[in-house]
C-alpha cells in the first residue's frame, strides 16, 4: 500500500519529543491531503504515541529517528539510530514553483534541488525572493543575540513551532537579499533542535 505522507520524530533517552505537535500535524495533514481527493475519504485517525514501539535492539540508543509513513487507513513505523549532524554552510537555490505544505513521502523535487549544493552542507530554498527552508528542516538566523525564522516556511516544522511557543525565536520576513544581515544560520528539525546557545 502506498504511503503518501510521513512524520519524522525524535526519541531521545526513551522519550518521544514533541509528540503532541506531531500528532496535530499528522491529523491536519490527513485532513488536507484527503479532502482534495475526488472520492470522499474518511481517514482513520491513529494516536501515534500508542503505535511507537522501539525495537529491543535499539533500546539503548540515546537518539532514535522514528519515521511514520501513513495514508488514510494505515501507519507504518520504522526506527533508526541517529547521530546529530552539524550543518554550517547553505547554498541558496531558487525554486519558485515548489509546494511542500505537507510532509510528502515523494521528495523528488527536494532531492533534485539538494543535488545543486556543491561543496555546501545543505541548500537554502529561495521561493519568489523569500528564504523558506532547507531540504530537511526549517532554518533559523541569528542577528546579534536574537534568532529569527522566515515567515515563509515550506513546511511549518514541529521544532520551529516549539521554539516559537517558548519565545526563543521570532518570525520575520527574510529575503534572499537580507542574508548578509545575519551572523549565523542553523537548521532545525525534529532531530536537530539547533538550540545550543539560544
Protein backbone atom coordinates (compact mmCIF):
# COMPACT_ATOMS: atom_id res chain seq x y z
CA UNK A 1 0.00 0.00 0.00
CA UNK A 2 1.21 3.48 -0.82
CA UNK A 3 2.01 5.94 1.96
CA UNK A 4 1.91 9.49 0.54
CA UNK A 5 2.76 11.28 3.81
CA UNK A 6 5.15 10.82 6.70
CA UNK A 7 6.31 12.20 10.04
CA UNK A 8 9.81 12.03 11.50
CA UNK A 9 10.06 12.01 15.27
CA UNK A 10 12.96 12.00 17.70
CA UNK A 11 13.05 9.52 20.53
CA UNK A 12 15.70 10.76 22.94
CA UNK A 13 16.67 8.77 26.03
CA UNK A 14 13.47 6.76 25.54
CA UNK A 15 11.17 9.82 25.37
CA UNK A 16 9.29 10.92 22.25
CA UNK A 17 9.96 14.62 21.64
CA UNK A 18 7.13 17.00 20.64
CA UNK A 19 4.62 14.15 20.21
CA UNK A 20 1.64 16.50 20.64
CA UNK A 21 2.82 18.72 17.78
CA UNK A 22 3.49 15.71 15.55
CA UNK A 23 0.03 14.34 16.32
CA UNK A 24 -1.56 17.70 15.44
CA UNK A 25 0.36 17.98 12.15
CA UNK A 26 -0.45 14.36 11.27
CA UNK A 27 -4.17 14.99 11.77
CA UNK A 28 -4.09 18.32 9.86
CA UNK A 29 -2.17 16.67 7.01
CA UNK A 30 -4.61 13.77 6.72
CA UNK A 31 -7.49 16.23 6.55
CA UNK A 32 -5.78 18.48 3.99
CA UNK A 33 -4.49 15.67 1.77
CA UNK A 34 -7.63 13.54 1.66
CA UNK A 35 -10.08 16.43 1.36
CA UNK A 36 -8.56 17.08 -2.09
CA UNK A 37 -9.29 13.55 -3.37
CA UNK A 38 -12.09 13.01 -5.88
CA UNK A 39 -13.71 10.26 -3.78
CA UNK A 40 -14.94 11.00 -0.28
CA UNK A 41 -12.39 9.56 2.14
CA UNK A 42 -12.81 9.47 5.89
CA UNK A 43 -9.31 8.89 7.26
CA UNK A 44 -8.76 6.69 10.26
CA UNK A 45 -7.01 8.77 12.93
CA UNK A 46 -4.33 6.91 14.89
CA UNK A 47 -2.83 8.07 18.17
CA UNK A 48 0.80 8.00 17.08
CA UNK A 49 2.25 7.57 20.58
CA UNK A 50 0.31 4.32 21.02
CA UNK A 51 1.98 2.80 17.94
CA UNK A 52 5.58 3.73 18.63
CA UNK A 53 7.44 0.68 19.89
CA UNK A 54 11.22 0.95 19.79
CA UNK A 55 12.76 -2.42 18.89
CA UNK A 56 14.77 -4.02 21.70
CA UNK A 57 17.99 -3.89 19.70
CA UNK A 58 17.71 -0.07 19.61
CA UNK A 59 16.52 0.47 23.20
CA UNK A 60 19.99 1.51 24.43
CA UNK A 61 20.46 4.10 21.67
CA UNK A 62 20.47 7.68 23.06
CA UNK A 63 18.74 9.11 19.96
CA UNK A 64 16.44 7.29 17.57
CA UNK A 65 14.82 8.55 14.39
CA UNK A 66 11.28 7.23 14.07
CA UNK A 67 9.73 7.53 10.63
CA UNK A 68 5.97 7.11 10.46
CA UNK A 69 4.63 6.65 6.93
CA UNK A 70 0.86 6.91 6.61
CA UNK A 71 -2.22 7.06 4.46
CA UNK A 72 -5.95 7.27 5.22
CA UNK A 73 -6.13 3.72 6.62
CA UNK A 74 -2.70 2.68 7.89
CA UNK A 75 0.52 3.78 9.53
CA UNK A 76 3.92 2.15 9.36
CA UNK A 77 6.65 2.90 11.94
CA UNK A 78 10.35 2.38 11.29
CA UNK A 79 13.28 3.12 13.61
CA UNK A 80 16.90 4.08 13.00
CA UNK A 81 19.76 5.05 15.34
CA UNK A 82 20.64 8.69 14.74
CA UNK A 83 23.74 10.85 15.17
CA UNK A 84 23.16 14.60 15.10
CA UNK A 85 24.85 16.32 12.19
CA UNK A 86 26.26 19.82 12.02
CA UNK A 87 25.21 21.93 9.05
CA UNK A 88 27.33 25.02 8.68
CA UNK A 89 27.06 26.06 5.02
CA UNK A 90 23.88 26.54 2.99
CA UNK A 91 23.78 27.24 -0.74
CA UNK A 92 20.85 29.43 -1.85
CA UNK A 93 18.89 27.63 -4.58
CA UNK A 94 15.95 29.29 -6.34
CA UNK A 95 12.75 27.31 -6.91
CA UNK A 96 9.63 29.42 -7.36
CA UNK A 97 7.28 26.50 -8.07
CA UNK A 98 7.95 24.33 -5.02
CA UNK A 99 4.98 23.38 -2.82
CA UNK A 100 5.75 21.31 0.26
CA UNK A 101 3.00 22.40 2.64
CA UNK A 102 2.52 18.77 3.71
CA UNK A 103 5.29 16.33 4.60
CA UNK A 104 5.11 14.31 1.39
CA UNK A 105 6.90 10.98 1.04
CA UNK A 106 7.74 11.92 -2.57
CA UNK A 107 10.84 14.07 -2.17
CA UNK A 108 11.92 14.01 -5.82
CA UNK A 109 11.99 17.79 -6.25
CA UNK A 110 13.75 18.33 -2.90
CA UNK A 111 16.41 15.78 -3.90
CA UNK A 112 16.90 17.49 -7.27
CA UNK A 113 17.41 20.81 -5.50
CA UNK A 114 19.79 19.26 -2.96
CA UNK A 115 21.91 17.94 -5.83
CA UNK A 116 22.82 21.61 -6.51
CA UNK A 117 24.50 22.10 -3.10
CA UNK A 118 28.05 21.81 -4.42
CA UNK A 119 30.53 21.92 -1.52
CA UNK A 120 27.92 23.18 0.96
CA UNK A 121 26.36 21.04 3.68
CA UNK A 122 22.78 21.82 2.63
CA UNK A 123 20.73 24.19 0.50
CA UNK A 124 18.54 27.14 1.39
CA UNK A 125 15.45 27.21 -0.82
CA UNK A 126 14.52 30.64 -2.17
CA UNK A 127 10.94 30.99 -3.43
CA UNK A 128 9.83 34.25 -5.06
CA UNK A 129 12.80 36.03 -3.48
CA UNK A 130 11.99 34.82 0.04
CA UNK A 131 14.05 32.43 2.15
CA UNK A 132 11.99 29.34 3.02
CA UNK A 133 13.59 26.13 4.34
CA UNK A 134 16.30 23.62 3.54
CA UNK A 135 15.50 20.10 2.30
CA UNK A 136 15.27 18.53 5.77
CA UNK A 137 14.01 21.25 8.06
CA UNK A 138 13.38 24.85 8.88
CA UNK A 139 16.09 27.48 9.20
CA UNK A 140 16.87 29.98 11.93
CA UNK A 141 19.07 33.07 11.54
CA UNK A 142 20.99 34.95 14.20
CA UNK A 143 21.23 38.74 14.24
CA UNK A 144 23.13 39.84 17.35
CA UNK A 145 21.58 37.85 20.19
CA UNK A 146 18.17 37.36 18.54
CA UNK A 147 17.22 34.35 16.41
CA UNK A 148 14.68 34.59 13.59
CA UNK A 149 12.88 32.13 11.35
CA UNK A 150 11.42 33.05 7.95
CA UNK A 151 7.73 33.85 7.75
CA UNK A 152 7.60 31.83 4.52
CA UNK A 153 8.43 28.23 5.51
CA UNK A 154 7.58 25.50 3.04
CA UNK A 155 6.52 23.29 5.95
CA UNK A 156 5.81 24.50 9.46
CA UNK A 157 8.01 22.18 11.48
CA UNK A 158 7.29 20.88 14.95
CA UNK A 159 10.62 22.10 16.38
CA UNK A 160 10.02 25.54 14.84
CA UNK A 161 6.60 25.64 16.50
CA UNK A 162 8.10 24.62 19.86
CA UNK A 163 10.82 27.30 19.72
CA UNK A 164 8.27 29.96 18.72
CA UNK A 165 5.97 28.95 21.59
CA UNK A 166 8.93 29.19 24.00
CA UNK A 167 9.81 32.66 22.68
CA UNK A 168 13.32 31.51 21.74
CA UNK A 169 12.93 32.53 18.09
CA UNK A 170 10.84 35.15 16.29
CA UNK A 171 9.20 35.14 12.87
CA UNK A 172 10.19 37.74 10.30
CA UNK A 173 10.36 38.21 6.57
CA UNK A 174 13.78 37.19 5.27
CA UNK A 175 14.57 37.91 1.64
CA UNK A 176 17.49 36.36 -0.21
CA UNK A 177 18.95 39.89 -0.34
CA UNK A 178 18.83 40.06 3.51
CA UNK A 179 21.23 37.18 4.12
CA UNK A 180 24.23 39.45 4.77
CA UNK A 181 22.35 40.87 7.80
CA UNK A 182 22.80 37.63 9.74
CA UNK A 183 25.85 36.22 11.50
CA UNK A 184 24.77 32.59 11.70
CA UNK A 185 22.32 30.13 10.16
CA UNK A 186 21.15 26.89 11.73
CA UNK A 187 18.96 24.04 10.62
CA UNK A 188 16.20 22.87 12.94
CA UNK A 189 14.03 19.79 12.68
CA UNK A 190 12.69 17.05 14.94
CA UNK A 191 16.17 15.55 15.33
CA UNK A 192 18.35 18.67 15.21
CA UNK A 193 16.92 21.26 17.58
CA UNK A 194 19.62 23.85 16.82
CA UNK A 195 19.20 25.37 20.25
CA UNK A 196 22.70 25.08 21.65
CA UNK A 197 23.41 28.63 22.87
CA UNK A 198 19.97 30.06 22.07
